[in-house]
Amino acid sequence: MVPLLLVLLLALILFGAGFALKALWWIAVIVLVVWLVGFIARPKSGSARWYRW
């Protein structure tokens, strides 16, 4: 009985980790797209940047 519960617990933990990692990948893709749009659509003058790098 205990090994079965441990396997089920491990499956739940791995499922939760997989969902969290997938969500983090989507967040990373969204941040990358926003950064690229800001980089491409920035003003030509160097003083009016919306970020400081």
PDB file of N, CA and C in Angstrom:
ATOM      1  N   MET A   1       0.834  -1.209   0.000  1.00  0.00           N
ATOM      2  CA  MET A   1       0.000   0.000   0.000  1.00  0.00           C
ATOM      3  C   MET A   1       0.863   1.252   0.000  1.00  0.00           C
ATOM      4  N   VAL A   2       1.928   1.248   0.822  1.00  0.00           N
ATOM      5  CA  VAL A   2       2.793   2.426   0.901  1.00  0.00           C
ATOM      6  C   VAL A   2       3.502   2.695  -0.427  1.00  0.00           C
ATOM      7  N   PRO A   3       4.051   1.672  -1.115  1.00  0.00           N
ATOM      8  CA  PRO A   3       4.688   1.963  -2.415  1.00  0.00           C
ATOM      9  C   PRO A   3       3.710   2.545  -3.432  1.00  0.00           C
ATOM     10  N   LEU A   4       2.468   2.088  -3.406  1.00  0.00           N
ATOM     11  CA  LEU A   4       1.472   2.641  -4.321  1.00  0.00           C
ATOM     12  C   LEU A   4       1.220   4.113  -4.037  1.00  0.00           C
ATOM     13  N   LEU A   5       1.121   4.464  -2.755  1.00  0.00           N
ATOM     14  CA  LEU A   5       0.924   5.868  -2.387  1.00  0.00           C
ATOM     15  C   LEU A   5       2.139   6.711  -2.770  1.00  0.00           C
ATOM     16  N   LEU A   6       3.336   6.148  -2.609  1.00  0.00           N
ATOM     17  CA  LEU A   6       4.545   6.890  -3.003  1.00  0.00           C
ATOM     18  C   LEU A   6       4.586   7.122  -4.511  1.00  0.00           C
ATOM     19  N   VAL A   7       4.187   6.137  -5.282  1.00  0.00           N
ATOM     20  CA  VAL A   7       4.154   6.293  -6.746  1.00  0.00           C
ATOM     21  C   VAL A   7       3.123   7.341  -7.145  1.00  0.00           C
ATOM     22  N   LEU A   8       1.958   7.307  -6.517  1.00  0.00           N
ATOM     23  CA  LEU A   8       0.936   8.315  -6.827  1.00  0.00           C
ATOM     24  C   LEU A   8       1.399   9.712  -6.431  1.00  0.00           C
ATOM     25  N   LEU A   9       2.061   9.818  -5.286  1.00  0.00           N
ATOM     26  CA  LEU A   9       2.583  11.118  -4.860  1.00  0.00           C
ATOM     27  C   LEU A   9       3.641  11.622  -5.830  1.00  0.00           C
ATOM     28  N   LEU A  10       4.526  10.731  -6.262  1.00  0.00           N
ATOM     29  CA  LEU A  10       5.548  11.114  -7.230  1.00  0.00           C
ATOM     30  C   LEU A  10       4.914  11.555  -8.548  1.00  0.00           C
ATOM     31  N   ALA A  11       3.880  10.859  -8.992  1.00  0.00           N
ATOM     32  CA  ALA A  11       3.193  11.241 -10.230  1.00  0.00           C
ATOM     33  C   ALA A  11       2.561  12.623 -10.092  1.00  0.00           C
ATOM     34  N   LEU A  12       1.955  12.901  -8.949  1.00  0.00           N
ATOM     35  CA  LEU A  12       1.352  14.227  -8.741  1.00  0.00           C
ATOM     36  C   LEU A  12       2.419  15.322  -8.719  1.00  0.00           C
ATOM     37  N   ILE A  13       3.545  15.050  -8.080  1.00  0.00           N
ATOM     38  CA  ILE A  13       4.624  16.050  -8.022  1.00  0.00           C
ATOM     39  C   ILE A  13       5.176  16.315  -9.419  1.00  0.00           C
ATOM     40  N   LEU A  14       5.403  15.256 -10.183  1.00  0.00           N
ATOM     41  CA  LEU A  14       5.937  15.443 -11.538  1.00  0.00           C
ATOM     42  C   LEU A  14       4.927  16.150 -12.440  1.00  0.00           C
ATOM     43  N   PHE A  15       3.645  15.853 -12.280  1.00  0.00           N
ATOM     44  CA  PHE A  15       2.611  16.538 -13.064  1.00  0.00           C
ATOM     45  C   PHE A  15       2.598  18.024 -12.729  1.00  0.00           C
ATOM     46  N   GLY A  16       2.676  18.355 -11.438  1.00  0.00           N
ATOM     47  CA  GLY A  16       2.699  19.757 -11.021  1.00  0.00           C
ATOM     48  C   GLY A  16       3.936  20.477 -11.524  1.00  0.00           C
ATOM     49  N   ALA A  17       5.087  19.812 -11.465  1.00  0.00           N
ATOM     50  CA  ALA A  17       6.327  20.425 -11.950  1.00  0.00           C
ATOM     51  C   ALA A  17       6.265  20.639 -13.457  1.00  0.00           C
ATOM     52  N   GLY A  18       5.709  19.679 -14.164  1.00  0.00           N
ATOM     53  CA  GLY A  18       5.595  19.825 -15.620  1.00  0.00           C
ATOM     54  C   GLY A  18       4.684  20.985 -15.993  1.00  0.00           C
ATOM     55  N   PHE A  19       3.571  21.133 -15.284  1.00  0.00           N
ATOM     56  CA  PHE A  19       2.666  22.238 -15.554  1.00  0.00           C
ATOM     57  C   PHE A  19       3.349  23.570 -15.250  1.00  0.00           C
ATOM     58  N   ALA A  20       4.092  23.649 -14.123  1.00  0.00           N
ATOM     59  CA  ALA A  20       4.780  24.888 -13.751  1.00  0.00           C
ATOM     60  C   ALA A  20       5.861  25.228 -14.772  1.00  0.00           C
ATOM     61  N   LEU A  21       6.603  24.230 -15.225  1.00  0.00           N
ATOM     62  CA  LEU A  21       7.657  24.499 -16.208  1.00  0.00           C
ATOM     63  C   LEU A  21       7.063  24.948 -17.538  1.00  0.00           C
ATOM     64  N   LYS A  22       5.941  24.361 -17.924  1.00  0.00           N
ATOM     65  CA  LYS A  22       5.303  24.787 -19.173  1.00  0.00           C
ATOM     66  C   LYS A  22       4.816  26.227 -19.055  1.00  0.00           C
ATOM     67  N   ALA A  23       4.248  26.576 -17.899  1.00  0.00           N
ATOM     68  CA  ALA A  23       3.803  27.952 -17.680  1.00  0.00           C
ATOM     69  C   ALA A  23       4.985  28.909 -17.717  1.00  0.00           C
ATOM     70  N   LEU A  24       6.115  28.510 -17.124  1.00  0.00           N
ATOM     71  CA  LEU A  24       7.297  29.372 -17.146  1.00  0.00           C
ATOM     72  C   LEU A  24       7.831  29.549 -18.561  1.00  0.00           C
ATOM     73  N   TRP A  25       7.764  28.510 -19.382  1.00  0.00           N
ATOM     74  CA  TRP A  25       8.187  28.648 -20.774  1.00  0.00           C
ATOM     75  C   TRP A  25       7.312  29.650 -21.522  1.00  0.00           C
ATOM     76  N   TRP A  26       5.993  29.597 -21.293  1.00  0.00           N
ATOM     77  CA  TRP A  26       5.101  30.561 -21.957  1.00  0.00           C
ATOM     78  C   TRP A  26       5.388  31.982 -21.495  1.00  0.00           C
ATOM     79  N   ILE A  27       5.657  32.164 -20.205  1.00  0.00           N
ATOM     80  CA  ILE A  27       5.996  33.494 -19.693  1.00  0.00           C
ATOM     81  C   ILE A  27       7.297  33.983 -20.324  1.00  0.00           C
ATOM     82  N   ALA A  28       8.281  33.096 -20.447  1.00  0.00           N
ATOM     83  CA  ALA A  28       9.552  33.479 -21.066  1.00  0.00           C
ATOM     84  C   ALA A  28       9.365  33.875 -22.527  1.00  0.00           C
ATOM     85  N   VAL A  29       8.515  33.166 -23.245  1.00  0.00           N
ATOM     86  CA  VAL A  29       8.259  33.506 -24.651  1.00  0.00           C
ATOM     87  C   VAL A  29       7.571  34.863 -24.761  1.00  0.00           C
ATOM     88  N   ILE A  30       6.615  35.135 -23.885  1.00  0.00           N
ATOM     89  CA  ILE A  30       5.914  36.422 -23.909  1.00  0.00           C
ATOM     90  C   ILE A  30       6.878  37.567 -23.601  1.00  0.00           C
ATOM     91  N   VAL A  31       7.743  37.385 -22.613  1.00  0.00           N
ATOM     92  CA  VAL A  31       8.726  38.425 -22.268  1.00  0.00           C
ATOM     93  C   VAL A  31       9.679  38.653 -23.435  1.00  0.00           C
ATOM     94  N   LEU A  32      10.108  37.589 -24.095  1.00  0.00           N
ATOM     95  CA  LEU A  32      10.996  37.729 -25.245  1.00  0.00           C
ATOM     96  C   LEU A  32      10.324  38.503 -26.373  1.00  0.00           C
ATOM     97  N   VAL A  33       9.062  38.214 -26.641  1.00  0.00           N
ATOM     98  CA  VAL A  33       8.342  38.923 -27.707  1.00  0.00           C
ATOM     99  C   VAL A  33       8.204  40.403 -27.362  1.00  0.00           C
ATOM    100  N   VAL A  34       7.858  40.708 -26.104  1.00  0.00           N
ATOM    101  CA  VAL A  34       7.734  42.111 -25.691  1.00  0.00           C
ATOM    102  C   VAL A  34       9.072  42.819 -25.820  1.00  0.00           C
ATOM    103  N   TRP A  35      10.158  42.151 -25.433  1.00  0.00           N
ATOM    104  CA  TRP A  35      11.481  42.767 -25.532  1.00  0.00           C
ATOM    105  C   TRP A  35      11.849  43.018 -26.992  1.00  0.00           C
ATOM    106  N   LEU A  36      11.562  42.040 -27.872  1.00  0.00           N
ATOM    107  CA  LEU A  36      11.886  42.216 -29.292  1.00  0.00           C
ATOM    108  C   LEU A  36      11.080  43.341 -29.920  1.00  0.00           C
ATOM    109  N   VAL A  37       9.797  43.436 -29.578  1.00  0.00           N
ATOM    110  CA  VAL A  37       8.971  44.524 -30.110  1.00  0.00           C
ATOM    111  C   VAL A  37       9.513  45.866 -29.624  1.00  0.00           C
ATOM    112  N   GLY A  38       9.882  45.948 -28.360  1.00  0.00           N
ATOM    113  CA  GLY A  38      10.461  47.185 -27.842  1.00  0.00           C
ATOM    114  C   GLY A  38      11.796  47.506 -28.477  1.00  0.00           C
ATOM    115  N   PHE A  39      12.580  46.495 -28.776  1.00  0.00           N
ATOM    116  CA  PHE A  39      13.879  46.716 -29.411  1.00  0.00           C
ATOM    117  C   PHE A  39      13.723  47.183 -30.851  1.00  0.00           C
ATOM    118  N   ILE A  40      12.757  46.603 -31.570  1.00  0.00           N
ATOM    119  CA  ILE A  40      12.544  46.960 -32.980  1.00  0.00           C
ATOM    120  C   ILE A  40      11.835  48.301 -33.102  1.00  0.00           C
ATOM    121  N   ALA A  41      10.852  48.576 -32.246  1.00  0.00           N
ATOM    122  CA  ALA A  41      10.022  49.769 -32.371  1.00  0.00           C
ATOM    123  C   ALA A  41      10.530  50.931 -31.531  1.00  0.00           C
ATOM    124  N   ARG A  42      11.780  50.861 -31.074  1.00  0.00           N
ATOM    125  CA  ARG A  42      12.287  51.958 -30.232  1.00  0.00           C
ATOM    126  C   ARG A  42      12.521  53.208 -31.074  1.00  0.00           C
ATOM    127  N   PRO A  43      12.482  54.364 -30.423  1.00  0.00           N
ATOM    128  CA  PRO A  43      12.776  55.603 -31.145  1.00  0.00           C
ATOM    129  C   PRO A  43      14.239  55.633 -31.577  1.00  0.00           C
ATOM    130  N   LYS A  44      14.515  56.411 -32.613  1.00  0.00           N
ATOM    131  CA  LYS A  44      15.880  56.470 -33.138  1.00  0.00           C
ATOM    132  C   LYS A  44      16.819  57.245 -32.218  1.00  0.00           C
ATOM    133  N   SER A  45      16.277  58.187 -31.436  1.00  0.00           N
ATOM    134  CA  SER A  45      17.146  58.941 -30.526  1.00  0.00           C
ATOM    135  C   SER A  45      17.539  58.050 -29.352  1.00  0.00           C
ATOM    136  N   GLY A  46      18.781  58.146 -28.923  1.00  0.00           N
ATOM    137  CA  GLY A  46      19.275  57.274 -27.862  1.00  0.00           C
ATOM    138  C   GLY A  46      18.814  57.642 -26.488  1.00  0.00           C
ATOM    139  N   SER A  47      18.312  58.882 -26.298  1.00  0.00           N
ATOM    140  CA  SER A  47      17.954  59.328 -24.947  1.00  0.00           C
ATOM    141  C   SER A  47      16.549  58.899 -24.516  1.00  0.00           C
ATOM    142  N   ALA A  48      15.711  58.501 -25.482  1.00  0.00           N
ATOM    143  CA  ALA A  48      14.319  58.199 -25.135  1.00  0.00           C
ATOM    144  C   ALA A  48      14.068  56.694 -25.149  1.00  0.00           C
ATOM    145  N   ARG A  49      14.929  55.925 -24.510  1.00  0.00           N
ATOM    146  CA  ARG A  49      14.717  54.483 -24.449  1.00  0.00           C
ATOM    147  C   ARG A  49      13.753  54.152 -23.335  1.00  0.00           C
ATOM    148  N   TRP A  50      12.989  53.069 -23.523  1.00  0.00           N
ATOM    149  CA  TRP A  50      12.058  52.643 -22.479  1.00  0.00           C
ATOM    150  C   TRP A  50      12.689  51.617 -21.557  1.00  0.00           C
ATOM    151  N   TYR A  51      13.944  51.295 -21.820  1.00  0.00           N
ATOM    152  CA  TYR A  51      14.684  50.424 -20.911  1.00  0.00           C
ATOM    153  C   TYR A  51      16.132  50.901 -20.860  1.00  0.00           C
ATOM    154  N   ARG A  52      16.837  50.515 -19.838  1.00  0.00           N
ATOM    155  CA  ARG A  52      18.260  50.863 -19.726  1.00  0.00           C
ATOM    156  C   ARG A  52      19.060  49.599 -19.715  1.00  0.00           C
ATOM    157  N   TRP A  53      19.926  49.408 -20.694  1.00  0.00           N
ATOM    158  CA  TRP A  53      20.794  48.236 -20.771  1.00  0.00           C
ATOM    159  C   TRP A  53      22.225  48.658 -20.731  1.00  0.00           C
TER     160      TRP A  53
END
